[in-house]
């Protein structure tokens, strides 16, 4: 099978890290891309799940905020019930 040369753009740091990882498992970047493409064609799909960071940055931030609220409850408003909370929130609008 004839080989062709293809150019791809990568983040420089990601390329270095990928090359280091691949060298550790006895493969180069070109071979890894070729393996990816062959597997994609065999399966007719991307051969792995693509998803966001779990938890994502927004969720991590909310989790950190919750921990802060647990550690220092005196710094935060408290409500007797949801109606009281909604009344307070809506009065600020």
C-alpha atoms as a PDB file:
ATOM      1  CA  UNK A   1       0.000   0.000   0.000  1.00  0.00           C
ATOM      2  CA  UNK A   2       1.374   3.404  -1.011  1.00  0.00           C
ATOM      3  CA  UNK A   3       2.242   5.853   1.763  1.00  0.00           C
ATOM      4  CA  UNK A   4       1.439   9.565   1.632  1.00  0.00           C
ATOM      5  CA  UNK A   5       2.681  12.391   3.790  1.00  0.00           C
ATOM      6  CA  UNK A   6       0.144  14.446   5.737  1.00  0.00           C
ATOM      7  CA  UNK A   7       0.612  17.587   7.809  1.00  0.00           C
ATOM      8  CA  UNK A   8      -1.360  18.089  11.008  1.00  0.00           C
ATOM      9  CA  UNK A   9      -1.302  20.970  13.472  1.00  0.00           C
ATOM     10  CA  UNK A  10      -0.875  20.204  17.185  1.00  0.00           C
ATOM     11  CA  UNK A  11      -0.253  22.155  20.332  1.00  0.00           C
ATOM     12  CA  UNK A  12       3.542  22.063  20.737  1.00  0.00           C
ATOM     13  CA  UNK A  13       3.410  20.887  24.360  1.00  0.00           C
ATOM     14  CA  UNK A  14       0.838  18.178  23.554  1.00  0.00           C
ATOM     15  CA  UNK A  15       3.053  16.932  20.713  1.00  0.00           C
ATOM     16  CA  UNK A  16       6.084  16.599  22.982  1.00  0.00           C
ATOM     17  CA  UNK A  17       4.064  14.809  25.681  1.00  0.00           C
ATOM     18  CA  UNK A  18       2.518  12.473  23.093  1.00  0.00           C
ATOM     19  CA  UNK A  19       5.933  11.665  21.613  1.00  0.00           C
ATOM     20  CA  UNK A  20       7.329  10.917  25.077  1.00  0.00           C
ATOM     21  CA  UNK A  21       4.419   8.631  25.916  1.00  0.00           C
ATOM     22  CA  UNK A  22       4.546   6.861  22.570  1.00  0.00           C
ATOM     23  CA  UNK A  23       8.310   6.351  22.788  1.00  0.00           C
ATOM     24  CA  UNK A  24       7.777   4.670  26.165  1.00  0.00           C
ATOM     25  CA  UNK A  25       5.433   2.153  24.510  1.00  0.00           C
ATOM     26  CA  UNK A  26       7.646   1.677  21.440  1.00  0.00           C
ATOM     27  CA  UNK A  27       5.689   3.729  18.931  1.00  0.00           C
ATOM     28  CA  UNK A  28       6.141   7.013  17.107  1.00  0.00           C
ATOM     29  CA  UNK A  29       3.527   9.696  16.441  1.00  0.00           C
ATOM     30  CA  UNK A  30       3.105   8.760  12.785  1.00  0.00           C
ATOM     31  CA  UNK A  31       2.407   5.118  13.683  1.00  0.00           C
ATOM     32  CA  UNK A  32      -0.052   6.146  16.402  1.00  0.00           C
ATOM     33  CA  UNK A  33      -2.003   8.361  13.989  1.00  0.00           C
ATOM     34  CA  UNK A  34      -2.015   5.507  11.464  1.00  0.00           C
ATOM     35  CA  UNK A  35      -3.349   3.086  14.111  1.00  0.00           C
ATOM     36  CA  UNK A  36      -6.055   5.587  15.043  1.00  0.00           C
ATOM     37  CA  UNK A  37      -7.154   5.999  11.414  1.00  0.00           C
ATOM     38  CA  UNK A  38      -7.192   2.228  10.718  1.00  0.00           C
ATOM     39  CA  UNK A  39      -9.281   1.608  13.844  1.00  0.00           C
ATOM     40  CA  UNK A  40     -11.648   4.444  12.939  1.00  0.00           C
ATOM     41  CA  UNK A  41     -12.173   2.989   9.480  1.00  0.00           C
ATOM     42  CA  UNK A  42     -12.703  -0.545  10.873  1.00  0.00           C
ATOM     43  CA  UNK A  43     -15.302   0.609  13.388  1.00  0.00           C
ATOM     44  CA  UNK A  44     -16.866   3.372  11.303  1.00  0.00           C
ATOM     45  CA  UNK A  45     -16.606   5.755  14.262  1.00  0.00           C
ATOM     46  CA  UNK A  46     -14.121   7.522  16.516  1.00  0.00           C
ATOM     47  CA  UNK A  47     -12.659   4.504  18.379  1.00  0.00           C
ATOM     48  CA  UNK A  48     -13.027   6.010  21.847  1.00  0.00           C
ATOM     49  CA  UNK A  49     -15.538   8.061  23.786  1.00  0.00           C
ATOM     50  CA  UNK A  50     -15.134  11.821  23.566  1.00  0.00           C
ATOM     51  CA  UNK A  51     -16.508  13.688  26.549  1.00  0.00           C
ATOM     52  CA  UNK A  52     -15.887  16.724  28.657  1.00  0.00           C
ATOM     53  CA  UNK A  53     -13.733  16.878  31.718  1.00  0.00           C
ATOM     54  CA  UNK A  54     -15.555  15.123  34.556  1.00  0.00           C
ATOM     55  CA  UNK A  55     -16.246  17.014  36.640  1.00  0.00           C
ATOM     56  CA  UNK A  56     -15.794  20.095  34.500  1.00  0.00           C
ATOM     57  CA  UNK A  57     -14.274  23.353  35.748  1.00  0.00           C
ATOM     58  CA  UNK A  58     -17.644  24.881  36.606  1.00  0.00           C
ATOM     59  CA  UNK A  59     -18.626  21.844  38.687  1.00  0.00           C
ATOM     60  CA  UNK A  60     -15.248  21.796  40.433  1.00  0.00           C
ATOM     61  CA  UNK A  61     -15.676  25.467  41.287  1.00  0.00           C
ATOM     62  CA  UNK A  62     -19.151  24.811  42.720  1.00  0.00           C
ATOM     63  CA  UNK A  63     -17.797  21.896  44.762  1.00  0.00           C
ATOM     64  CA  UNK A  64     -15.026  24.108  46.172  1.00  0.00           C
ATOM     65  CA  UNK A  65     -17.565  26.804  46.997  1.00  0.00           C
ATOM     66  CA  UNK A  66     -19.725  24.248  48.809  1.00  0.00           C
ATOM     67  CA  UNK A  67     -16.748  23.073  50.871  1.00  0.00           C
ATOM     68  CA  UNK A  68     -15.965  26.691  51.773  1.00  0.00           C
ATOM     69  CA  UNK A  69     -19.580  27.215  52.863  1.00  0.00           C
ATOM     70  CA  UNK A  70     -19.421  24.090  55.063  1.00  0.00           C
ATOM     71  CA  UNK A  71     -16.212  25.276  56.720  1.00  0.00           C
ATOM     72  CA  UNK A  72     -17.436  28.847  57.309  1.00  0.00           C
ATOM     73  CA  UNK A  73     -21.254  28.806  57.510  1.00  0.00           C
ATOM     74  CA  UNK A  74     -21.286  32.067  59.492  1.00  0.00           C
ATOM     75  CA  UNK A  75     -20.206  33.937  56.332  1.00  0.00           C
ATOM     76  CA  UNK A  76     -23.323  32.933  54.392  1.00  0.00           C
ATOM     77  CA  UNK A  77     -27.042  33.659  54.537  1.00  0.00           C
ATOM     78  CA  UNK A  78     -29.335  30.960  55.885  1.00  0.00           C
ATOM     79  CA  UNK A  79     -33.022  30.521  55.185  1.00  0.00           C
ATOM     80  CA  UNK A  80     -35.789  28.717  57.047  1.00  0.00           C
ATOM     81  CA  UNK A  81     -37.349  27.456  53.805  1.00  0.00           C
ATOM     82  CA  UNK A  82     -37.258  27.785  50.014  1.00  0.00           C
ATOM     83  CA  UNK A  83     -39.974  30.454  49.944  1.00  0.00           C
ATOM     84  CA  UNK A  84     -37.885  32.701  52.212  1.00  0.00           C
ATOM     85  CA  UNK A  85     -34.854  32.146  49.978  1.00  0.00           C
ATOM     86  CA  UNK A  86     -36.784  32.919  46.769  1.00  0.00           C
ATOM     87  CA  UNK A  87     -38.267  36.053  48.316  1.00  0.00           C
ATOM     88  CA  UNK A  88     -34.758  37.263  49.177  1.00  0.00           C
ATOM     89  CA  UNK A  89     -33.376  36.432  45.735  1.00  0.00           C
ATOM     90  CA  UNK A  90     -36.249  38.104  43.898  1.00  0.00           C
ATOM     91  CA  UNK A  91     -36.057  41.229  46.064  1.00  0.00           C
ATOM     92  CA  UNK A  92     -32.506  41.808  44.767  1.00  0.00           C
ATOM     93  CA  UNK A  93     -33.619  41.987  41.133  1.00  0.00           C
END
